[in-house]
Amino acid sequence: MPTTKMPKPIRRPTSANYWIRKKVPADLRPLVGKTEIWASLGTSKEREANIRIGAENAKIEAEWARLRAERARPPAPKVFVPEPFKVTHLDLHALRGEEHGRVRARFSPEPPTGFNKLRMTLGDEESLQLDALELLESGGYEASHANVERLVPLLVQARREAATDVEHIRIGEFKKIADLTQFPERTTPALDFLAAFEEYAKKGGLKGGPEGRTATRWRKKVKEFCDSTGLRDLKQMKTSHGYDWVDKLIAKKIPRDSIRKVFIAAISATAGFMVERRKLDQNPFLGMRVRDEDPSENAEENEQKEPPRKGFTLEEARRILTATLVAPSDFISVEMAAARRWLPWLCAYSGARVNELTSLYPDDIRARGYGIWCMMIKPSLEKTAQWRPVPIHSHVIDQKFGQTFLEYVEERRKLNKPLFYDPERRRGGTVRHPQFHKVAERIGEWVHSLEIPYDVKPNHGWRHVFKSMARHVEMDREVEGFITGHRPKDANSGNDYGDHWMLTMSKEIEKYPRYELAAFDGPPIPHKRRRRTNFDVAVAKAAKERRKAARAKHRA
């Protein structure tokens, strides 16, 4: 918003001219990189400076308006272009034959004479290079300067040969016309697998679209498969290629469940979409199976391993929830302080996925039938299939420890901002990595800092605790599925009949016992900044090196 007060021309000790000085608004300082701006008015006369300062002030305000507009504008969607094909000797001569045919087809109906005949072969060096570049790009080839130089003389030859054919046609010597079937075919694929995946990501209803997490993950697997087989033509691929790839993945110790749900799913879904679009006769990867490992092969090793723990223990859950009552540090934002305060409680009493909660807006918290407060879970997220109302446990509503949850929601409603993040502090988030994902990551790091073991997922662990507690208190299985968004595997179409009554779901969710903490009986626990030990520093350094190595391996 433009400032209403007009600045006055001032002098600087180091200059004879007058200057304009403006304070940069707080919200633009990260973009401008300064707290104030100085600009010379180009004159030492006060009267002239007073005339010029209006235009200079308007110029600065216009620039700030542009910065605000750019910040508010969503980032342009990224266009994924498949890797170009290498140009072989056969491809060059295939392009030469195609150019020959195009020129001959254009001029043969009415063969030209005189100067018009010369037009078929005329062309300066620059126009020939542009034509060669266009041919390479349209064919999906690598349009490098070297390839352009290789193609230009063949284009000249093709046009001369086409002109000769047109002259034979003009005088009726049709037997002397060149046979274009003698030219080789292009070596490029008839159905490029990488381009097929991009079409599937864009039009196949893949969650998140071409920039979503699923597409980003699957894109790499399709590329790995093409590199492994040495093929990019989907029409040439067979089921045996898929199983050869599976054997290589198993040899690399990649979990078989990941091979089924990610690697095979990526190539099979893409091929299936091409079958739907009638671009492929059949899906060569349909029905591929990856069998489980024979348990007898590693029987001794498996006996020594304990089954992995999925959820928190009750002692760990109490430790996390007690930490939510600690007064927040002054170094974290209001939104992050609220995320630490309320997200663990909402996760614990609903079993919701953490990203379903970090993405909530104030309007998603509403009172429905019988005055029951609920959360509206949106279907735009990765694993959320449809709108899902989830009652909020009465213990969350009843907590009077500082600001209540509903008071915080109303505060955010007045600001017209999401509950747990501020869009104005967005720093280049994407569809794949939105702001609310970063909130979940920060909460996970905070939970691990409470000495929660790393073998338990710091946010998803609440979902497992909720499921375990639901069994313990004998929560209705069907209603519990409505709350968590899980459809029982043995459910039939009857599972979708009827409405999800809020009173029924609230009745079941209230079976979940309250976490009664001793901290509720006292004042807010003061924040204590724990000094890191040498061991903590060493652990953090090792973790940083592991992340760097993982990123390097990922880029490779």
Protein backbone atom coordinates (compact mmCIF):
# COMPACT_ATOMS: atom_id res chain seq x y z
CA MET A 1 0.00 0.00 0.00
CA PRO A 2 1.55 3.38 -0.99
CA THR A 3 2.64 5.69 1.81
CA THR A 4 0.49 8.82 2.13
CA LYS A 5 3.20 11.13 3.48
CA MET A 6 5.34 12.80 0.79
CA PRO A 7 9.06 12.79 1.72
CA LYS A 8 10.99 16.04 1.65
CA PRO A 9 14.26 16.63 -0.25
CA ILE A 10 17.28 16.37 2.04
CA ARG A 11 21.01 16.89 1.62
CA ARG A 12 23.75 14.39 2.31
CA PRO A 13 27.11 15.50 3.72
CA THR A 14 28.93 13.85 0.84
CA SER A 15 26.90 15.41 -1.99
CA ALA A 16 25.85 18.89 -3.17
CA ASN A 17 22.59 17.55 -4.64
CA TYR A 18 19.29 16.97 -2.90
CA TRP A 19 18.15 13.38 -2.21
CA ILE A 20 14.99 11.47 -1.46
CA ARG A 21 15.04 9.10 1.51
CA LYS A 22 12.31 6.47 2.06
CA LYS A 23 11.97 3.71 4.63
CA VAL A 24 11.34 0.31 3.04
CA PRO A 25 8.12 -1.31 4.35
CA ALA A 26 8.84 -4.20 6.70
CA ASP A 27 7.17 -6.78 4.43
CA LEU A 28 9.43 -5.82 1.48
CA ARG A 29 12.76 -5.67 3.28
CA PRO A 30 13.63 -9.33 2.55
CA LEU A 31 13.08 -8.63 -1.18
CA VAL A 32 14.75 -5.19 -1.34
CA GLY A 33 17.62 -6.15 0.94
CA LYS A 34 17.62 -2.73 2.66
CA THR A 35 15.74 -0.93 5.43
CA GLU A 36 15.77 2.41 3.57
CA ILE A 37 16.36 3.76 0.08
CA TRP A 38 18.30 6.86 -0.98
CA ALA A 39 18.02 8.28 -4.49
CA SER A 40 19.60 11.43 -5.90
CA LEU A 41 17.25 14.08 -7.32
CA GLY A 42 20.04 15.34 -9.60
CA THR A 43 19.88 18.98 -8.58
CA SER A 44 21.32 21.28 -5.92
CA LYS A 45 18.41 23.72 -6.16
CA GLU A 46 15.74 23.27 -3.51
CA ARG A 47 12.85 24.47 -5.67
CA GLU A 48 13.71 22.10 -8.51
CA ALA A 49 14.23 19.28 -6.00
CA ASN A 50 10.69 19.81 -4.66
CA ILE A 51 9.39 19.46 -8.21
CA ARG A 52 11.36 16.30 -9.00
CA ILE A 53 10.74 14.48 -5.73
CA GLY A 54 7.11 13.66 -6.63
CA ALA A 55 8.12 11.74 -9.77
CA GLU A 56 10.96 9.94 -7.95
CA ASN A 57 8.64 8.99 -5.08
CA ALA A 58 6.07 7.62 -7.53
CA LYS A 59 8.81 5.60 -9.25
CA ILE A 60 9.86 3.99 -5.96
CA GLU A 61 6.25 3.25 -4.98
CA ALA A 62 5.63 1.65 -8.40
CA GLU A 63 8.64 -0.61 -7.93
CA TRP A 64 7.38 -1.69 -4.52
CA ALA A 65 3.95 -2.41 -5.97
CA ARG A 66 5.61 -4.57 -8.63
CA LEU A 67 7.52 -6.52 -5.97
CA ARG A 68 4.32 -7.12 -4.00
CA ALA A 69 2.51 -8.30 -7.12
CA GLU A 70 5.33 -10.69 -8.04
CA ARG A 71 5.39 -12.10 -4.51
CA ALA A 72 1.62 -12.67 -4.56
CA ARG A 73 1.69 -14.26 -8.02
CA PRO A 74 1.96 -18.06 -7.89
CA PRO A 75 5.12 -19.46 -9.49
CA ALA A 76 4.79 -20.35 -13.17
CA PRO A 77 4.21 -24.07 -13.71
CA LYS A 78 7.35 -25.92 -14.62
CA VAL A 79 7.32 -27.49 -18.06
CA PHE A 80 9.08 -30.86 -18.11
CA VAL A 81 10.76 -31.53 -21.44
CA PRO A 82 12.04 -35.07 -22.10
CA GLU A 83 15.74 -35.45 -22.73
CA PRO A 84 16.51 -34.88 -26.45
CA PHE A 85 17.56 -37.75 -28.70
CA LYS A 86 21.07 -38.16 -30.00
CA VAL A 87 21.39 -37.58 -33.74
CA THR A 88 22.75 -40.64 -35.53
CA HIS A 89 24.03 -40.89 -39.11
CA LEU A 90 20.79 -42.64 -40.09
CA ASP A 91 18.70 -39.85 -38.52
CA LEU A 92 20.54 -37.22 -40.58
CA HIS A 93 19.79 -39.03 -43.83
CA ALA A 94 16.20 -39.71 -42.74
CA LEU A 95 15.78 -35.95 -42.29
CA ARG A 96 17.40 -35.42 -45.69
CA GLY A 97 14.85 -37.76 -47.28
CA GLU A 98 11.95 -36.01 -45.51
CA GLU A 99 13.18 -32.60 -46.73
CA HIS A 100 13.49 -34.02 -50.27
CA GLY A 101 9.89 -35.25 -50.11
CA ARG A 102 8.53 -31.96 -48.70
CA VAL A 103 10.15 -29.82 -51.41
CA ARG A 104 9.13 -32.19 -54.19
CA ALA A 105 5.51 -32.40 -52.94
CA ARG A 106 5.30 -28.60 -52.74
CA PHE A 107 6.43 -27.85 -56.32
CA SER A 108 5.43 -30.96 -58.31
CA PRO A 109 1.72 -30.11 -58.93
CA GLU A 110 2.75 -27.07 -61.03
CA PRO A 111 6.50 -27.42 -61.77
CA PRO A 112 8.09 -23.94 -61.94
CA THR A 113 10.35 -22.61 -64.67
CA GLY A 114 12.88 -19.80 -64.94
CA PHE A 115 13.62 -17.85 -61.78
CA ASN A 116 10.87 -19.64 -59.83
CA LYS A 117 12.77 -22.88 -60.47
CA LEU A 118 15.85 -21.43 -58.75
CA ARG A 119 13.81 -20.59 -55.65
CA MET A 120 13.72 -24.29 -54.77
CA THR A 121 17.45 -24.38 -54.10
CA LEU A 122 18.17 -20.79 -53.06
CA GLY A 123 18.96 -20.03 -49.43
CA ASP A 124 21.68 -18.19 -47.55
CA GLU A 125 23.77 -19.74 -44.78
CA GLU A 126 21.70 -18.21 -41.97
CA SER A 127 18.33 -19.39 -43.32
CA LEU A 128 19.71 -22.90 -43.89
CA GLN A 129 20.95 -23.04 -40.28
CA LEU A 130 17.56 -21.88 -38.99
CA ASP A 131 15.80 -24.53 -41.09
CA ALA A 132 18.15 -27.22 -39.77
CA LEU A 133 17.61 -26.04 -36.20
CA GLU A 134 13.82 -26.17 -36.62
CA LEU A 135 13.98 -29.69 -38.06
CA LEU A 136 16.09 -30.95 -35.16
CA GLU A 137 13.91 -29.33 -32.48
CA SER A 138 10.64 -30.50 -34.03
CA GLY A 139 12.01 -34.05 -34.15
CA GLY A 140 13.05 -33.97 -30.49
CA TYR A 141 16.75 -34.16 -31.37
CA GLU A 142 19.65 -32.51 -29.62
CA ALA A 143 19.79 -29.14 -31.41
CA SER A 144 23.45 -28.39 -30.82
CA HIS A 145 25.63 -26.25 -33.11
CA ALA A 146 27.58 -29.34 -34.20
CA ASN A 147 24.39 -31.16 -35.26
CA VAL A 148 23.18 -28.11 -37.17
CA GLU A 149 26.50 -27.99 -39.07
CA ARG A 150 26.15 -31.70 -39.91
CA LEU A 151 22.59 -31.28 -41.22
CA VAL A 152 22.99 -28.11 -43.33
CA PRO A 153 24.92 -29.69 -46.30
CA LEU A 154 22.40 -32.56 -46.37
CA LEU A 155 19.54 -30.06 -46.63
CA VAL A 156 21.28 -28.37 -49.56
CA GLN A 157 21.73 -31.78 -51.23
CA ALA A 158 18.07 -32.72 -50.56
CA ARG A 159 16.76 -29.52 -52.16
CA ARG A 160 18.94 -29.95 -55.24
CA GLU A 161 17.78 -33.54 -55.66
CA ALA A 162 14.16 -32.44 -55.18
CA ALA A 163 14.63 -29.74 -57.85
CA THR A 164 15.93 -32.41 -60.24
CA ASP A 165 12.85 -34.57 -59.54
CA VAL A 166 10.54 -31.61 -60.17
CA GLU A 167 12.26 -30.98 -63.52
CA HIS A 168 11.75 -34.66 -64.46
CA ILE A 169 8.07 -34.29 -63.59
CA ARG A 170 7.83 -31.12 -65.71
CA ILE A 171 9.12 -32.86 -68.82
CA GLY A 172 7.27 -36.12 -68.10
CA GLU A 173 10.25 -38.36 -67.26
CA PHE A 174 8.55 -40.01 -64.27
CA LYS A 175 10.77 -43.10 -64.30
CA LYS A 176 13.74 -40.96 -63.37
CA ILE A 177 12.12 -39.68 -60.15
CA ALA A 178 14.05 -40.71 -57.01
CA ASP A 179 12.62 -43.53 -54.86
CA LEU A 180 12.31 -42.02 -51.36
CA THR A 181 11.61 -45.42 -49.79
CA GLN A 182 15.35 -46.09 -50.05
CA PHE A 183 16.04 -43.53 -47.32
CA PRO A 184 16.36 -44.94 -43.78
CA GLU A 185 13.68 -44.43 -41.11
CA ARG A 186 14.36 -42.28 -38.08
CA THR A 187 15.81 -44.11 -35.11
CA THR A 188 13.65 -42.07 -32.71
CA PRO A 189 10.91 -44.04 -30.89
CA ALA A 190 7.44 -44.33 -32.33
CA LEU A 191 6.03 -43.79 -28.81
CA ASP A 192 8.55 -42.07 -26.55
CA PHE A 193 8.14 -43.44 -23.00
CA LEU A 194 9.33 -40.19 -21.36
CA ALA A 195 6.95 -38.05 -23.41
CA ALA A 196 4.17 -40.56 -22.69
CA PHE A 197 4.73 -40.13 -18.95
CA GLU A 198 4.50 -36.33 -19.24
CA GLU A 199 1.19 -36.72 -21.08
CA TYR A 200 -0.03 -39.09 -18.36
CA ALA A 201 1.05 -36.70 -15.57
CA LYS A 202 -0.78 -33.84 -17.28
CA LYS A 203 -3.98 -35.57 -18.43
CA GLY A 204 -4.19 -38.83 -16.50
CA GLY A 205 -5.53 -37.45 -13.22
CA LEU A 206 -2.30 -38.02 -11.32
CA LYS A 207 -2.63 -36.36 -7.90
CA GLY A 208 -0.80 -33.04 -7.90
CA GLY A 209 -0.34 -32.98 -11.69
CA PRO A 210 3.07 -32.81 -13.41
CA GLU A 211 4.64 -30.94 -10.46
CA GLY A 212 3.14 -33.08 -7.70
CA ARG A 213 5.08 -35.38 -5.40
CA THR A 214 3.89 -38.54 -7.18
CA ALA A 215 4.82 -37.28 -10.65
CA THR A 216 8.22 -36.05 -9.44
CA ARG A 217 8.94 -39.42 -7.88
CA TRP A 218 7.64 -41.52 -10.77
CA ARG A 219 9.35 -39.43 -13.44
CA LYS A 220 12.76 -40.58 -12.17
CA LYS A 221 11.67 -44.23 -12.14
CA VAL A 222 10.51 -44.10 -15.77
CA LYS A 223 13.84 -42.52 -16.74
CA GLU A 224 15.74 -45.20 -14.77
CA PHE A 225 13.78 -47.92 -16.56
CA CYS A 226 14.57 -46.46 -19.99
CA ASP A 227 18.26 -46.18 -19.06
CA SER A 228 18.27 -49.75 -17.77
CA THR A 229 16.72 -51.23 -20.91
CA GLY A 230 18.47 -48.90 -23.36
CA LEU A 231 15.08 -48.24 -24.98
CA ARG A 232 12.71 -45.28 -25.09
CA ASP A 233 10.15 -46.67 -27.51
CA LEU A 234 7.23 -48.00 -25.46
CA LYS A 235 6.03 -50.02 -28.44
CA GLN A 236 9.26 -52.05 -28.40
CA MET A 237 9.13 -52.87 -24.69
CA LYS A 238 8.13 -56.30 -23.42
CA THR A 239 7.19 -57.80 -20.07
CA SER A 240 10.63 -59.45 -19.95
CA HIS A 241 12.21 -55.98 -19.88
CA GLY A 242 10.18 -55.21 -16.78
CA TYR A 243 11.25 -58.38 -14.99
CA ASP A 244 14.90 -57.84 -15.93
CA TRP A 245 14.66 -54.41 -14.30
CA VAL A 246 13.00 -55.90 -11.21
CA ASP A 247 15.88 -58.37 -10.83
CA LYS A 248 18.38 -55.50 -10.94
CA LEU A 249 16.42 -53.54 -8.32
CA ILE A 250 16.26 -56.56 -6.01
CA ALA A 251 20.02 -57.02 -6.43
CA LYS A 252 20.45 -53.41 -5.24
CA LYS A 253 18.56 -54.31 -2.01
CA ILE A 254 15.62 -52.02 -2.84
CA PRO A 255 12.60 -53.10 -0.73
CA ARG A 256 10.22 -55.26 -2.70
CA ASP A 257 7.21 -53.31 -1.49
CA SER A 258 8.76 -50.14 -2.96
CA ILE A 259 9.40 -51.97 -6.23
CA ARG A 260 5.71 -52.90 -6.41
CA LYS A 261 4.19 -49.58 -5.32
CA VAL A 262 6.61 -47.14 -6.95
CA PHE A 263 8.85 -48.61 -9.65
CA ILE A 264 6.38 -51.01 -11.30
CA ALA A 265 3.41 -48.71 -10.59
CA ALA A 266 5.07 -45.85 -12.50
CA ILE A 267 5.73 -47.75 -15.73
CA SER A 268 2.50 -49.77 -15.63
CA ALA A 269 0.27 -46.74 -15.03
CA THR A 270 1.91 -44.84 -17.90
CA ALA A 271 1.57 -47.75 -20.33
CA GLY A 272 -2.03 -48.29 -19.21
CA PHE A 273 -2.86 -44.66 -19.96
CA MET A 274 -1.39 -45.01 -23.45
CA VAL A 275 -3.63 -48.07 -23.99
CA GLU A 276 -6.64 -45.96 -22.92
CA ARG A 277 -5.66 -43.30 -25.46
CA ARG A 278 -5.35 -45.99 -28.18
CA LYS A 279 -1.67 -45.19 -28.72
CA LEU A 280 -0.56 -48.64 -27.51
CA ASP A 281 -2.15 -52.01 -28.21
CA GLN A 282 -1.52 -53.57 -24.81
CA ASN A 283 0.18 -52.82 -21.51
CA PRO A 284 3.29 -55.02 -21.30
CA PHE A 285 3.61 -54.41 -17.55
CA LEU A 286 0.04 -55.25 -16.59
CA GLY A 287 -0.11 -57.95 -13.92
CA MET A 288 3.59 -57.95 -13.12
CA ARG A 289 4.23 -59.47 -9.70
CA VAL A 290 7.13 -59.05 -7.33
CA ARG A 291 7.07 -61.98 -4.93
CA ASP A 292 8.15 -61.66 -1.33
CA GLU A 293 11.55 -62.87 -0.28
CA ASP A 294 11.75 -66.48 0.88
CA PRO A 295 11.87 -66.16 4.70
CA SER A 296 13.97 -69.31 5.02
CA GLU A 297 16.90 -67.63 3.23
CA ASN A 298 17.53 -65.22 6.12
CA ALA A 299 15.79 -67.14 8.88
CA GLU A 300 18.56 -66.62 11.44
CA GLU A 301 18.81 -62.90 10.75
CA ASN A 302 15.01 -62.46 10.87
CA GLU A 303 14.81 -64.25 14.23
CA GLN A 304 17.22 -61.75 15.74
CA LYS A 305 15.27 -58.74 14.50
CA GLU A 306 12.43 -57.29 16.55
CA PRO A 307 9.35 -56.20 14.59
CA PRO A 308 9.53 -52.43 13.93
CA ARG A 309 7.57 -50.15 16.24
CA LYS A 310 5.06 -47.91 14.47
CA GLY A 311 3.54 -45.67 17.14
CA PHE A 312 4.65 -43.89 20.30
CA THR A 313 4.50 -45.48 23.72
CA LEU A 314 2.11 -43.80 26.17
CA GLU A 315 5.12 -42.38 28.02
CA GLU A 316 6.49 -40.86 24.79
CA ALA A 317 3.05 -39.47 23.89
CA ARG A 318 2.81 -37.79 27.30
CA ARG A 319 6.30 -36.34 26.90
CA ILE A 320 5.41 -34.76 23.54
CA LEU A 321 2.08 -33.42 24.76
CA THR A 322 3.70 -32.00 27.92
CA ALA A 323 6.25 -30.20 25.69
CA THR A 324 3.37 -28.48 23.88
CA LEU A 325 2.59 -26.61 27.11
CA VAL A 326 6.06 -25.07 27.36
CA ALA A 327 6.14 -21.33 26.69
CA PRO A 328 7.42 -20.87 23.10
CA SER A 329 10.77 -19.36 22.27
CA ASP A 330 10.87 -15.74 21.11
CA PHE A 331 12.89 -16.88 18.10
CA ILE A 332 10.05 -18.77 16.39
CA SER A 333 7.04 -17.36 14.53
CA VAL A 334 3.50 -17.15 15.90
CA GLU A 335 2.41 -19.86 13.45
CA MET A 336 5.18 -22.27 14.45
CA ALA A 337 4.46 -21.67 18.14
CA ALA A 338 0.79 -22.53 17.46
CA ALA A 339 1.82 -25.61 15.45
CA ARG A 340 3.86 -26.89 18.40
CA ARG A 341 1.01 -26.10 20.77
CA TRP A 342 -1.91 -27.68 18.88
CA LEU A 343 -0.77 -30.06 16.11
CA PRO A 344 0.28 -32.93 18.45
CA TRP A 345 -3.08 -32.72 20.24
CA LEU A 346 -5.06 -32.67 16.99
CA CYS A 347 -3.03 -35.60 15.62
CA ALA A 348 -3.40 -37.57 18.86
CA TYR A 349 -7.20 -37.18 19.08
CA SER A 350 -8.04 -37.58 15.38
CA GLY A 351 -5.42 -39.86 13.81
CA ALA A 352 -5.29 -37.44 10.87
CA ARG A 353 -2.25 -37.22 8.63
CA VAL A 354 -0.09 -34.29 9.66
CA ASN A 355 -0.30 -32.54 6.26
CA GLU A 356 -4.08 -32.72 6.45
CA LEU A 357 -3.80 -30.56 9.59
CA THR A 358 -0.93 -28.21 8.68
CA SER A 359 -2.92 -27.11 5.60
CA LEU A 360 -6.04 -26.12 7.59
CA TYR A 361 -7.62 -22.68 7.24
CA PRO A 362 -9.83 -21.03 9.89
CA ASP A 363 -12.92 -21.74 7.76
CA ASP A 364 -12.07 -25.46 7.95
CA ILE A 365 -12.82 -25.35 11.69
CA ARG A 366 -16.58 -25.09 12.09
CA ALA A 367 -19.47 -26.15 14.34
CA ARG A 368 -21.83 -28.60 12.64
CA GLY A 369 -24.86 -30.56 13.85
CA TYR A 370 -25.57 -30.39 17.61
CA GLY A 371 -22.87 -27.70 17.95
CA ILE A 372 -20.07 -30.22 17.51
CA TRP A 373 -16.80 -28.61 16.41
CA CYS A 374 -15.09 -30.40 13.56
CA MET A 375 -12.25 -30.13 11.06
CA MET A 376 -12.96 -30.30 7.33
CA ILE A 377 -10.17 -32.34 5.73
CA LYS A 378 -9.69 -31.35 2.08
CA PRO A 379 -9.33 -33.86 -0.79
CA SER A 380 -6.56 -31.94 -2.58
CA LEU A 381 -3.82 -33.67 -0.59
CA GLU A 382 -1.74 -36.66 -1.66
CA LYS A 383 -3.62 -39.48 0.12
CA THR A 384 -6.92 -37.75 0.85
CA ALA A 385 -9.55 -39.01 -1.60
CA GLN A 386 -12.59 -36.95 -0.56
CA TRP A 387 -13.89 -34.33 1.86
CA ARG A 388 -13.86 -35.70 5.39
CA PRO A 389 -15.36 -34.01 8.46
CA VAL A 390 -13.56 -35.04 11.65
CA PRO A 391 -14.97 -34.13 15.10
CA ILE A 392 -12.54 -32.34 17.42
CA HIS A 393 -12.13 -34.15 20.74
CA SER A 394 -13.66 -32.21 23.63
CA HIS A 395 -10.31 -32.17 25.46
CA VAL A 396 -8.84 -29.92 22.74
CA ILE A 397 -11.79 -27.52 23.01
CA ASP A 398 -11.78 -27.55 26.85
CA GLN A 399 -8.09 -26.75 27.37
CA LYS A 400 -7.81 -23.36 29.14
CA PHE A 401 -4.02 -23.40 29.34
CA GLY A 402 -3.26 -19.95 27.89
CA GLN A 403 -5.07 -19.09 24.66
CA THR A 404 -7.72 -21.66 23.74
CA PHE A 405 -7.78 -23.39 20.39
CA LEU A 406 -10.99 -21.70 19.25
CA GLU A 407 -9.63 -18.29 20.28
CA TYR A 408 -6.55 -18.91 18.14
CA VAL A 409 -8.73 -20.00 15.19
CA GLU A 410 -10.78 -16.80 15.49
CA GLU A 411 -7.58 -14.73 15.61
CA ARG A 412 -6.38 -16.31 12.35
CA ARG A 413 -9.82 -15.82 10.81
CA LYS A 414 -9.57 -12.07 11.38
CA LEU A 415 -6.14 -12.08 9.72
CA ASN A 416 -7.50 -14.21 6.85
CA LYS A 417 -4.51 -16.53 7.07
CA PRO A 418 -4.02 -20.31 7.42
CA LEU A 419 -3.74 -21.70 10.94
CA PHE A 420 -0.14 -22.87 10.94
CA TYR A 421 1.77 -20.90 8.28
CA ASP A 422 1.92 -17.42 6.77
CA PRO A 423 1.75 -17.26 2.93
CA GLU A 424 3.51 -13.87 3.01
CA ARG A 425 6.67 -15.61 4.21
CA ARG A 426 6.66 -18.06 1.34
CA ARG A 427 10.12 -18.61 -0.09
CA GLY A 428 9.65 -20.28 -3.44
CA GLY A 429 7.35 -23.12 -2.41
CA THR A 430 6.12 -25.44 -5.15
CA VAL A 431 3.27 -27.87 -5.67
CA ARG A 432 5.61 -30.60 -4.57
CA HIS A 433 6.97 -28.70 -1.55
CA PRO A 434 4.22 -26.37 -0.27
CA GLN A 435 4.63 -24.36 2.91
CA PHE A 436 2.50 -26.64 5.04
CA HIS A 437 4.85 -29.55 4.27
CA LYS A 438 7.72 -27.54 5.73
CA VAL A 439 5.67 -26.94 8.89
CA ALA A 440 5.23 -30.71 9.28
CA GLU A 441 8.98 -31.22 8.79
CA ARG A 442 9.81 -28.64 11.46
CA ILE A 443 7.39 -30.25 13.90
CA GLY A 444 9.01 -33.63 13.21
CA GLU A 445 12.46 -32.20 13.97
CA TRP A 446 11.12 -30.67 17.18
CA VAL A 447 9.59 -34.01 18.28
CA HIS A 448 12.90 -35.80 17.73
CA SER A 449 14.61 -33.12 19.82
CA LEU A 450 12.47 -34.38 22.75
CA GLU A 451 14.52 -37.62 22.69
CA ILE A 452 11.86 -39.56 20.79
CA PRO A 453 13.56 -42.51 19.01
CA TYR A 454 14.25 -42.04 15.32
CA ASP A 455 12.74 -45.44 14.46
CA VAL A 456 9.26 -43.91 14.99
CA LYS A 457 7.95 -41.37 12.51
CA PRO A 458 7.52 -38.18 14.56
CA ASN A 459 4.19 -37.15 13.05
CA HIS A 460 2.74 -40.34 11.56
CA GLY A 461 3.33 -42.11 14.87
CA TRP A 462 0.17 -40.42 16.21
CA ARG A 463 -1.91 -42.10 13.49
CA HIS A 464 -0.69 -45.52 14.65
CA VAL A 465 -1.34 -44.63 18.29
CA PHE A 466 -4.90 -43.58 17.40
CA LYS A 467 -5.54 -46.86 15.56
CA SER A 468 -4.14 -48.88 18.48
CA MET A 469 -6.22 -46.96 21.02
CA ALA A 470 -9.33 -47.33 18.82
CA ARG A 471 -8.98 -51.10 19.06
CA HIS A 472 -8.36 -50.89 22.81
CA VAL A 473 -11.51 -48.85 23.55
CA GLU A 474 -13.53 -50.89 21.02
CA MET A 475 -14.34 -47.97 18.75
CA ASP A 476 -16.77 -48.92 15.97
CA ARG A 477 -14.57 -50.11 13.10
CA GLU A 478 -16.61 -48.51 10.32
CA VAL A 479 -16.91 -45.14 12.10
CA GLU A 480 -13.20 -45.20 12.96
CA GLY A 481 -12.55 -45.61 9.21
CA PHE A 482 -14.68 -42.52 8.50
CA ILE A 483 -12.60 -40.55 11.04
CA THR A 484 -9.16 -41.61 9.79
CA GLY A 485 -10.07 -41.84 6.10
CA HIS A 486 -9.33 -45.56 5.93
CA ARG A 487 -11.65 -47.84 3.99
CA PRO A 488 -11.63 -51.41 5.36
CA LYS A 489 -10.16 -53.86 2.85
CA ASP A 490 -13.16 -56.18 3.18
CA ALA A 491 -15.68 -53.31 2.80
CA ASN A 492 -18.24 -53.47 0.00
CA SER A 493 -20.40 -50.81 -1.64
CA GLY A 494 -22.53 -50.69 1.51
CA ASN A 495 -19.68 -48.83 3.19
CA ASP A 496 -20.56 -45.79 1.04
CA TYR A 497 -24.28 -45.79 1.89
CA GLY A 498 -25.76 -43.23 4.25
CA ASP A 499 -24.30 -40.02 5.64
CA HIS A 500 -21.51 -39.64 8.17
CA TRP A 501 -23.45 -38.32 11.14
CA MET A 502 -21.33 -35.96 13.20
CA LEU A 503 -23.04 -37.03 16.42
CA THR A 504 -22.17 -40.67 15.75
CA MET A 505 -18.53 -39.90 14.97
CA SER A 506 -18.21 -37.58 17.96
CA LYS A 507 -19.61 -40.30 20.22
CA GLU A 508 -16.94 -42.72 19.03
CA ILE A 509 -14.08 -40.22 19.15
CA GLU A 510 -14.97 -39.33 22.75
CA LYS A 511 -14.19 -42.96 23.68
CA TYR A 512 -10.54 -41.98 23.25
CA PRO A 513 -9.34 -41.36 26.85
CA ARG A 514 -8.04 -37.91 27.73
CA TYR A 515 -4.35 -37.31 28.28
CA GLU A 516 -4.45 -35.87 31.80
CA LEU A 517 -1.08 -34.16 32.36
CA ALA A 518 0.31 -32.81 35.63
CA ALA A 519 1.44 -29.69 33.72
CA PHE A 520 -2.20 -28.58 33.39
CA ASP A 521 -2.29 -27.91 37.14
CA GLY A 522 0.46 -25.27 37.11
CA PRO A 523 1.42 -22.11 35.19
CA PRO A 524 2.93 -22.33 31.67
CA ILE A 525 6.32 -24.00 31.77
CA PRO A 526 9.03 -21.39 30.97
CA HIS A 527 11.08 -21.95 27.87
CA LYS A 528 14.61 -23.13 28.53
CA ARG A 529 17.11 -23.02 25.73
CA ARG A 530 19.18 -26.18 26.12
CA ARG A 531 22.84 -25.75 25.38
CA ARG A 532 24.07 -28.29 22.87
CA THR A 533 26.73 -30.72 24.01
CA ASN A 534 29.70 -31.82 21.90
CA PHE A 535 27.85 -35.06 21.26
CA ASP A 536 24.79 -33.15 19.94
CA VAL A 537 27.05 -31.14 17.63
CA ALA A 538 28.72 -34.32 16.34
CA VAL A 539 25.34 -36.00 15.71
CA ALA A 540 24.03 -32.92 13.86
CA LYS A 541 27.20 -32.74 11.76
CA ALA A 542 26.97 -36.43 10.84
CA ALA A 543 23.30 -36.01 9.89
CA LYS A 544 24.21 -33.04 7.69
CA GLU A 545 26.90 -35.05 5.91
CA ARG A 546 24.41 -37.90 5.32
CA ARG A 547 21.93 -35.45 3.78
CA LYS A 548 24.64 -33.99 1.54
CA ALA A 549 25.67 -37.47 0.38
CA ALA A 550 22.03 -38.41 -0.27
CA ARG A 551 21.50 -35.25 -2.34
CA ALA A 552 24.67 -35.90 -4.33
CA LYS A 553 23.57 -39.48 -5.00
CA HIS A 554 20.10 -38.23 -5.96
CA ARG A 555 21.56 -35.73 -8.46
CA ALA A 556 23.81 -38.40 -9.94
